Amino acid sequence: MSLIRWNPARELNKMHDDLNRLFSGFLPGDALETSFARGAWEPVVDISETPESYLVSAELPGLTKDDVSINYEDGILSIRGEKKQEKEEKRKNYHRVERSFGAFERSFRVPSRVLVDKIEAKFKDGVLHLMLPKAEEARPKEIPIKIS
């Protein structure tokens, strides 16, 4: 009998793979999928759906509405921007720097048609809120069953 040395990295990789498998089956194949160009940081995003629309909330601390651009084209919603680093003061002796800065881009595939001219964007307290209304044909419909 041989001993296997415990490797915490292997355990983390296994947990990462298990979570990916769990969430890959959560949304249908053409659901909102994230694909982004990695920058120094990336904002976290929540995406939800109602029968009428898709709702997107992105945390953008330290940014203003002028620092962010939003684009919707061919079923892809893209959020781009840049979080600029504050000017370093020569006299400060930093002990720890945890805040991230730099350009970012987050893109998501929207699974059904959206009324592009009715997309709404609001920016408040460092959070960007988007509402993408679904086209009528993309909304769920209830079909009554006739009983003979």
C-alpha atoms as a PDB file:
ATOM      1  CA  MET A   1       0.000   0.000   0.000  1.00  0.00           C
ATOM      2  CA  SER A   2       1.407   3.377  -0.990  1.00  0.00           C
ATOM      3  CA  LEU A   3       0.675   6.744   0.534  1.00  0.00           C
ATOM      4  CA  ILE A   4      -0.547   9.580  -1.635  1.00  0.00           C
ATOM      5  CA  ARG A   5       0.722  12.962  -0.639  1.00  0.00           C
ATOM      6  CA  TRP A   6      -2.060  15.513  -0.044  1.00  0.00           C
ATOM      7  CA  ASN A   7      -1.931  18.340  -2.550  1.00  0.00           C
ATOM      8  CA  PRO A   8      -4.196  21.325  -1.747  1.00  0.00           C
ATOM      9  CA  ALA A   9      -3.892  22.637  -5.328  1.00  0.00           C
ATOM     10  CA  ARG A  10      -5.276  19.350  -6.658  1.00  0.00           C
ATOM     11  CA  GLU A  11      -8.234  19.645  -4.261  1.00  0.00           C
ATOM     12  CA  LEU A  12      -8.925  23.224  -5.400  1.00  0.00           C
ATOM     13  CA  ASN A  13      -8.732  22.201  -9.067  1.00  0.00           C
ATOM     14  CA  LYS A  14     -11.176  19.352  -8.431  1.00  0.00           C
ATOM     15  CA  MET A  15     -13.568  21.719  -6.647  1.00  0.00           C
ATOM     16  CA  HIS A  16     -13.260  24.208  -9.545  1.00  0.00           C
ATOM     17  CA  ASP A  17     -14.071  21.460 -12.072  1.00  0.00           C
ATOM     18  CA  ASP A  18     -17.031  20.266  -9.984  1.00  0.00           C
ATOM     19  CA  LEU A  19     -18.457  23.803  -9.805  1.00  0.00           C
ATOM     20  CA  ASN A  20     -17.995  24.296 -13.550  1.00  0.00           C
ATOM     21  CA  ARG A  21     -19.871  21.044 -14.220  1.00  0.00           C
ATOM     22  CA  LEU A  22     -22.626  22.069 -11.816  1.00  0.00           C
ATOM     23  CA  PHE A  23     -23.192  25.488 -13.376  1.00  0.00           C
ATOM     24  CA  SER A  24     -22.674  24.449 -17.004  1.00  0.00           C
ATOM     25  CA  GLY A  25     -25.983  22.578 -16.834  1.00  0.00           C
ATOM     26  CA  PHE A  26     -27.742  25.451 -15.087  1.00  0.00           C
ATOM     27  CA  LEU A  27     -28.489  27.533 -18.179  1.00  0.00           C
ATOM     28  CA  PRO A  28     -29.441  26.287 -21.657  1.00  0.00           C
ATOM     29  CA  GLY A  29     -26.763  26.198 -24.360  1.00  0.00           C
ATOM     30  CA  ASP A  30     -27.590  29.607 -25.840  1.00  0.00           C
ATOM     31  CA  ALA A  31     -28.092  31.247 -22.458  1.00  0.00           C
ATOM     32  CA  LEU A  32     -26.136  34.215 -21.235  1.00  0.00           C
ATOM     33  CA  GLU A  33     -22.523  33.156 -21.553  1.00  0.00           C
ATOM     34  CA  THR A  34     -19.685  35.325 -20.469  1.00  0.00           C
ATOM     35  CA  SER A  35     -16.685  35.960 -22.654  1.00  0.00           C
ATOM     36  CA  PHE A  36     -14.383  38.800 -21.821  1.00  0.00           C
ATOM     37  CA  ALA A  37     -10.980  40.228 -22.479  1.00  0.00           C
ATOM     38  CA  ARG A  38      -9.168  40.023 -19.176  1.00  0.00           C
ATOM     39  CA  GLY A  39      -7.808  43.245 -17.861  1.00  0.00           C
ATOM     40  CA  ALA A  40      -6.254  44.065 -14.524  1.00  0.00           C
ATOM     41  CA  TRP A  41      -9.700  43.642 -12.976  1.00  0.00           C
ATOM     42  CA  GLU A  42     -13.181  42.671 -14.002  1.00  0.00           C
ATOM     43  CA  PRO A  43     -16.422  43.888 -12.444  1.00  0.00           C
ATOM     44  CA  VAL A  44     -18.816  41.318 -10.996  1.00  0.00           C
ATOM     45  CA  VAL A  45     -22.166  41.009 -12.771  1.00  0.00           C
ATOM     46  CA  ASP A  46     -25.571  39.611 -11.807  1.00  0.00           C
ATOM     47  CA  ILE A  47     -27.929  38.559 -14.611  1.00  0.00           C
ATOM     48  CA  SER A  48     -31.569  37.684 -14.043  1.00  0.00           C
ATOM     49  CA  GLU A  49     -34.638  37.184 -16.193  1.00  0.00           C
ATOM     50  CA  THR A  50     -38.307  38.033 -15.911  1.00  0.00           C
ATOM     51  CA  PRO A  51     -40.974  37.048 -18.453  1.00  0.00           C
ATOM     52  CA  GLU A  52     -40.628  40.541 -19.977  1.00  0.00           C
ATOM     53  CA  SER A  53     -36.893  41.291 -19.834  1.00  0.00           C
ATOM     54  CA  TYR A  54     -33.296  40.475 -18.898  1.00  0.00           C
ATOM     55  CA  LEU A  55     -31.825  42.428 -15.992  1.00  0.00           C
ATOM     56  CA  VAL A  56     -28.083  43.029 -15.665  1.00  0.00           C
ATOM     57  CA  SER A  57     -26.385  44.643 -12.662  1.00  0.00           C
ATOM     58  CA  ALA A  58     -22.634  45.326 -12.737  1.00  0.00           C
ATOM     59  CA  GLU A  59     -20.636  46.602  -9.774  1.00  0.00           C
ATOM     60  CA  LEU A  60     -18.374  49.419 -10.970  1.00  0.00           C
ATOM     61  CA  PRO A  61     -16.936  51.028  -7.827  1.00  0.00           C
ATOM     62  CA  GLY A  62     -14.996  54.211  -8.342  1.00  0.00           C
ATOM     63  CA  LEU A  63     -16.364  54.780 -11.854  1.00  0.00           C
ATOM     64  CA  THR A  64     -18.792  57.322 -13.244  1.00  0.00           C
ATOM     65  CA  LYS A  65     -21.220  56.890 -16.125  1.00  0.00           C
ATOM     66  CA  ASP A  66     -18.686  58.656 -18.376  1.00  0.00           C
ATOM     67  CA  ASP A  67     -16.111  55.910 -17.663  1.00  0.00           C
ATOM     68  CA  VAL A  68     -18.396  53.169 -19.037  1.00  0.00           C
ATOM     69  CA  SER A  69     -19.697  52.309 -22.507  1.00  0.00           C
ATOM     70  CA  ILE A  70     -22.436  49.811 -23.342  1.00  0.00           C
ATOM     71  CA  ASN A  71     -22.994  48.174 -26.724  1.00  0.00           C
ATOM     72  CA  TYR A  72     -25.582  45.663 -27.971  1.00  0.00           C
ATOM     73  CA  GLU A  73     -24.959  44.073 -31.362  1.00  0.00           C
ATOM     74  CA  ASP A  74     -25.966  40.729 -32.909  1.00  0.00           C
ATOM     75  CA  GLY A  75     -27.249  39.331 -29.602  1.00  0.00           C
ATOM     76  CA  ILE A  76     -24.116  40.300 -27.643  1.00  0.00           C
ATOM     77  CA  LEU A  77     -24.236  42.797 -24.780  1.00  0.00           C
ATOM     78  CA  SER A  78     -20.830  44.373 -24.044  1.00  0.00           C
ATOM     79  CA  ILE A  79     -19.860  46.573 -21.115  1.00  0.00           C
ATOM     80  CA  ARG A  80     -16.487  48.323 -21.375  1.00  0.00           C
ATOM     81  CA  GLY A  81     -14.647  50.847 -19.291  1.00  0.00           C
ATOM     82  CA  GLU A  82     -11.556  51.770 -17.408  1.00  0.00           C
ATOM     83  CA  LYS A  83     -10.877  52.282 -13.735  1.00  0.00           C
ATOM     84  CA  LYS A  84      -8.005  54.728 -13.531  1.00  0.00           C
ATOM     85  CA  GLN A  85      -5.450  54.525 -10.758  1.00  0.00           C
ATOM     86  CA  GLU A  86      -5.168  57.476  -8.461  1.00  0.00           C
ATOM     87  CA  LYS A  87      -1.954  59.439  -8.715  1.00  0.00           C
ATOM     88  CA  GLU A  88       0.658  57.972  -6.384  1.00  0.00           C
ATOM     89  CA  GLU A  89       2.075  60.337  -3.864  1.00  0.00           C
ATOM     90  CA  LYS A  90       5.844  60.096  -3.508  1.00  0.00           C
ATOM     91  CA  ARG A  91       5.716  60.722   0.235  1.00  0.00           C
ATOM     92  CA  LYS A  92       3.383  57.802   0.994  1.00  0.00           C
ATOM     93  CA  ASN A  93       4.854  54.494   2.048  1.00  0.00           C
ATOM     94  CA  TYR A  94       2.268  51.875   1.026  1.00  0.00           C
ATOM     95  CA  HIS A  95       2.009  48.802   3.221  1.00  0.00           C
ATOM     96  CA  ARG A  96      -0.694  47.087   1.204  1.00  0.00           C
ATOM     97  CA  VAL A  97      -2.402  47.755  -2.139  1.00  0.00           C
ATOM     98  CA  GLU A  98      -5.412  45.552  -2.901  1.00  0.00           C
ATOM     99  CA  ARG A  99      -7.506  47.713  -5.206  1.00  0.00           C
ATOM    100  CA  SER A 100      -7.285  46.830  -8.886  1.00  0.00           C
ATOM    101  CA  PHE A 101      -7.238  49.248 -11.791  1.00  0.00           C
ATOM    102  CA  GLY A 102      -7.231  49.101 -15.567  1.00  0.00           C
ATOM    103  CA  ALA A 103      -9.450  48.574 -18.584  1.00  0.00           C
ATOM    104  CA  PHE A 104     -12.143  45.897 -18.625  1.00  0.00           C
ATOM    105  CA  GLU A 105     -14.657  44.368 -20.986  1.00  0.00           C
ATOM    106  CA  ARG A 106     -17.474  41.973 -20.153  1.00  0.00           C
ATOM    107  CA  SER A 107     -19.611  40.494 -22.930  1.00  0.00           C
ATOM    108  CA  PHE A 108     -22.693  38.294 -22.675  1.00  0.00           C
ATOM    109  CA  ARG A 109     -24.728  36.413 -25.272  1.00  0.00           C
ATOM    110  CA  VAL A 110     -28.441  37.157 -24.887  1.00  0.00           C
ATOM    111  CA  PRO A 111     -30.467  34.037 -25.760  1.00  0.00           C
ATOM    112  CA  SER A 112     -33.467  35.715 -27.398  1.00  0.00           C
ATOM    113  CA  ARG A 113     -34.388  38.831 -29.330  1.00  0.00           C
ATOM    114  CA  VAL A 114     -34.312  42.125 -27.477  1.00  0.00           C
ATOM    115  CA  LEU A 115     -36.057  45.409 -28.242  1.00  0.00           C
ATOM    116  CA  VAL A 116     -32.834  47.357 -28.812  1.00  0.00           C
ATOM    117  CA  ASP A 117     -34.448  50.792 -28.893  1.00  0.00           C
ATOM    118  CA  LYS A 118     -36.025  50.169 -25.463  1.00  0.00           C
ATOM    119  CA  ILE A 119     -32.886  49.092 -23.557  1.00  0.00           C
ATOM    120  CA  GLU A 120     -32.561  51.143 -20.368  1.00  0.00           C
ATOM    121  CA  ALA A 121     -29.361  51.895 -18.452  1.00  0.00           C
ATOM    122  CA  LYS A 122     -29.114  53.489 -15.013  1.00  0.00           C
ATOM    123  CA  PHE A 123     -25.985  54.155 -12.999  1.00  0.00           C
ATOM    124  CA  LYS A 124     -26.313  54.758  -9.265  1.00  0.00           C
ATOM    125  CA  ASP A 125     -23.935  54.361  -6.315  1.00  0.00           C
ATOM    126  CA  GLY A 126     -21.314  52.543  -8.393  1.00  0.00           C
ATOM    127  CA  VAL A 127     -23.768  49.983  -9.811  1.00  0.00           C
ATOM    128  CA  LEU A 128     -24.820  49.877 -13.458  1.00  0.00           C
ATOM    129  CA  HIS A 129     -28.362  48.532 -13.977  1.00  0.00           C
ATOM    130  CA  LEU A 130     -29.483  47.458 -17.462  1.00  0.00           C
ATOM    131  CA  MET A 131     -32.945  46.362 -18.503  1.00  0.00           C
ATOM    132  CA  LEU A 132     -33.163  44.586 -21.872  1.00  0.00           C
ATOM    133  CA  PRO A 133     -36.838  44.083 -22.802  1.00  0.00           C
ATOM    134  CA  LYS A 134     -37.611  40.899 -24.714  1.00  0.00           C
ATOM    135  CA  ALA A 135     -39.264  41.068 -28.110  1.00  0.00           C
ATOM    136  CA  GLU A 136     -42.882  39.860 -28.071  1.00  0.00           C
ATOM    137  CA  GLU A 137     -42.042  36.585 -29.859  1.00  0.00           C
ATOM    138  CA  ALA A 138     -39.410  35.780 -27.199  1.00  0.00           C
ATOM    139  CA  ARG A 139     -41.818  36.085 -24.277  1.00  0.00           C
ATOM    140  CA  PRO A 140     -43.363  32.943 -22.836  1.00  0.00           C
ATOM    141  CA  LYS A 141     -46.955  32.301 -23.864  1.00  0.00           C
ATOM    142  CA  GLU A 142     -49.559  30.249 -22.094  1.00  0.00           C
ATOM    143  CA  ILE A 143     -51.544  27.936 -24.358  1.00  0.00           C
ATOM    144  CA  PRO A 144     -54.946  26.847 -23.054  1.00  0.00           C
ATOM    145  CA  ILE A 145     -55.916  23.185 -23.376  1.00  0.00           C
ATOM    146  CA  LYS A 146     -59.393  22.448 -24.630  1.00  0.00           C
ATOM    147  CA  ILE A 147     -61.089  19.478 -23.022  1.00  0.00           C
ATOM    148  CA  SER A 148     -63.612  17.684 -25.200  1.00  0.00           C
END
